Protein backbone atom coordinates (compact mmCIF):
# COMPACT_ATOMS: atom_id res chain seq x y z
CA MET A 1 -0.46 -13.37 39.12
CA PRO A 2 -1.22 -15.54 36.06
CA SER A 3 -2.14 -13.08 33.09
CA LYS A 4 -5.44 -12.72 31.47
CA PRO A 5 -5.10 -15.09 27.69
CA ARG A 6 -5.88 -12.69 24.68
CA ARG A 7 -8.06 -13.03 22.76
CA ARG A 8 -7.12 -13.89 19.11
CA THR A 9 -8.56 -12.48 15.71
CA GLY A 10 -7.83 -13.18 12.41
CA GLY A 11 -6.46 -10.16 11.40
CA PHE A 12 -7.22 -6.58 9.82
CA ALA A 13 -8.65 -8.35 6.35
CA GLU A 14 -10.81 -10.16 9.02
CA VAL A 15 -12.22 -7.66 11.38
CA LEU A 16 -12.93 -5.05 7.92
CA SER A 17 -14.53 -7.78 6.04
CA ALA A 18 -16.97 -7.79 8.71
CA LEU A 19 -18.17 -5.10 8.77
CA PRO A 20 -21.27 -3.71 6.98
CA PRO A 21 -20.68 -2.05 3.60
CA GLY A 22 -20.53 1.89 3.94
CA PRO A 23 -22.50 4.30 2.76
CA ASP A 24 -20.36 5.36 0.22
CA THR A 25 -18.54 2.07 -1.24
CA ASP A 26 -21.24 0.72 -2.91
CA GLY A 27 -21.30 -2.67 -1.59
CA ARG A 28 -17.55 -2.77 -2.28
CA SER A 29 -15.80 -3.15 0.52
CA GLY A 30 -11.81 -4.15 0.92
CA ALA A 31 -10.59 -0.33 0.68
CA ALA A 32 -9.02 1.72 3.89
CA ALA A 33 -9.09 5.47 2.29
CA GLY A 34 -11.76 6.82 0.99
CA PRO A 35 -12.60 8.00 -2.59
CA ARG A 36 -9.08 8.90 -3.99
CA GLU A 37 -7.34 9.30 -1.22
CA PHE A 38 -3.61 8.43 -1.69
CA PRO A 39 -1.93 6.12 0.48
CA VAL A 40 0.55 8.82 1.98
CA SER A 41 -1.84 11.64 2.53
CA ALA A 42 -4.00 8.32 4.44
CA GLY A 43 -1.37 7.16 6.30
CA GLY A 44 -1.73 3.53 4.91
CA PHE A 45 -3.79 1.49 2.91
CA LEU A 46 -5.39 -1.90 2.55
CA ASP A 47 -4.32 -3.86 -0.97
CA ALA A 48 -6.27 -6.37 -2.70
CA GLY A 49 -5.46 -8.78 -1.39
CA GLY A 50 -6.57 -8.00 2.39
CA ARG A 51 -2.79 -6.65 3.49
CA TYR A 52 -2.59 -3.09 5.19
CA TRP A 53 0.11 -0.97 4.33
CA ARG A 54 1.26 1.62 7.07
CA LEU A 55 3.11 4.30 6.19
CA ALA A 56 6.88 3.86 7.37
CA ARG A 57 9.56 6.82 6.35
CA GLY A 58 9.24 9.04 3.81
CA PRO A 59 9.97 10.60 1.62
CA LEU A 60 12.70 9.20 1.27
CA GLU A 61 16.04 9.72 -0.40
CA ARG A 62 17.34 8.50 -3.57
CA ARG A 63 20.39 6.47 -1.74
CA LEU A 64 17.46 4.44 0.67
CA ALA A 65 15.32 4.45 -2.40
CA LYS A 66 17.91 2.65 -4.50
CA ARG A 67 18.02 0.23 -1.21
CA LEU A 68 14.58 -0.46 -1.23
CA ALA A 69 13.68 -0.93 -4.50
CA ALA A 70 16.81 -3.58 -4.50
CA ARG A 71 15.33 -5.24 -1.37
CA ALA A 72 11.54 -4.57 -0.79
CA ASP A 73 9.00 -7.37 -0.68
CA GLU A 74 6.56 -5.41 -2.65
CA MET A 75 6.47 -2.16 -5.25
CA THR A 76 4.02 -0.40 -6.35
CA LEU A 77 3.48 3.26 -8.14
CA GLY A 78 1.94 6.24 -6.85
CA PRO A 79 -1.26 7.91 -8.38
CA TRP A 80 0.53 8.04 -11.85
CA GLY A 81 0.38 4.27 -11.49
CA ARG A 82 -2.52 1.91 -11.92
CA TRP A 83 -5.96 1.85 -9.68
CA HIS A 84 -7.23 -1.09 -9.14
CA GLU A 85 -9.92 -2.43 -11.94
CA ASP A 86 -12.16 -4.66 -8.65
CA TYR A 87 -11.85 -0.57 -7.35
CA PRO A 88 -12.24 2.12 -9.81
CA ASP A 89 -13.22 5.06 -7.17
CA TRP A 90 -10.86 3.82 -5.00
CA PHE A 91 -6.71 4.13 -5.17
CA VAL A 92 -6.06 0.57 -4.04
CA PRO A 93 -2.55 -0.03 -5.47
CA VAL A 94 -1.67 -2.73 -8.17
CA LEU A 95 1.65 -4.47 -6.55
CA LEU A 96 3.77 -4.90 -9.09
CA THR A 97 5.20 -8.33 -10.25
CA PRO A 98 8.48 -8.70 -10.27
CA GLU A 99 8.88 -8.72 -13.41
CA GLU A 100 7.59 -5.53 -14.20
CA ARG A 101 9.96 -3.71 -10.92
CA PRO A 102 13.26 -3.09 -12.70
CA ALA A 103 11.10 -0.83 -15.96
CA ALA A 104 9.54 1.14 -12.41
CA TRP A 105 12.21 1.67 -10.90
CA SER A 106 13.99 3.00 -14.54
CA ALA A 107 10.67 5.07 -15.15
CA ALA A 108 11.06 7.18 -11.62
CA LEU A 109 15.17 7.41 -11.95
CA ASP A 110 14.02 8.95 -15.41
CA GLU A 111 12.13 11.36 -13.92
CA ASP A 112 10.80 13.64 -10.47
CA PHE A 113 9.69 10.87 -8.04
CA LEU A 114 9.26 10.87 -4.21
CA ALA A 115 9.74 7.52 -2.43
CA TYR A 116 7.52 6.22 0.90
CA GLU A 117 8.45 3.04 2.38
CA PHE A 118 5.45 0.90 3.34
CA ARG A 119 5.40 -1.86 5.98
CA ALA A 120 2.69 -4.96 7.31
CA GLY A 121 1.99 -6.18 10.44
CA ASP A 122 3.47 -9.50 9.43
CA GLY A 123 6.83 -7.17 8.74
CA ARG A 124 6.72 -7.00 4.82
CA THR A 125 8.10 -4.08 3.07
CA LEU A 126 6.89 -2.03 0.25
CA LEU A 127 8.52 0.14 -1.61
CA TYR A 128 5.79 3.17 -3.33
CA LEU A 129 7.01 5.08 -5.71
CA ASP A 130 5.48 8.91 -6.60
CA ILE A 131 6.46 9.79 -9.71
CA SER A 132 6.18 13.21 -10.88
CA CYS A 133 5.42 14.62 -14.61
């Protein structure tokens, strides 16, 4: 029996952008979690580029975090990092540039930190560093 063809969409970002703005978003779209809800507690987040990152595992032990710092496709700092300028009331992590990553890893090693691995639907990995003071 032939299988029914699947309906293809442009992905989660397209579906999310088609939704009307919620009552608490002031007309802004692009944030998956609620106001000031952090990615770890929400189980994921939508970055400013429209890619959804799902919490894969964590907190990681230091050895695994070091390995992921070297090979992850993206890296971001946790709540002590930066809030995205386009979404001041929503936690949309800013992805670090390759030039910023060594300094962020160094700062994490100087402090207590928790590391989490997030994965996108296309297989990309992200290291999320939650540095505590």
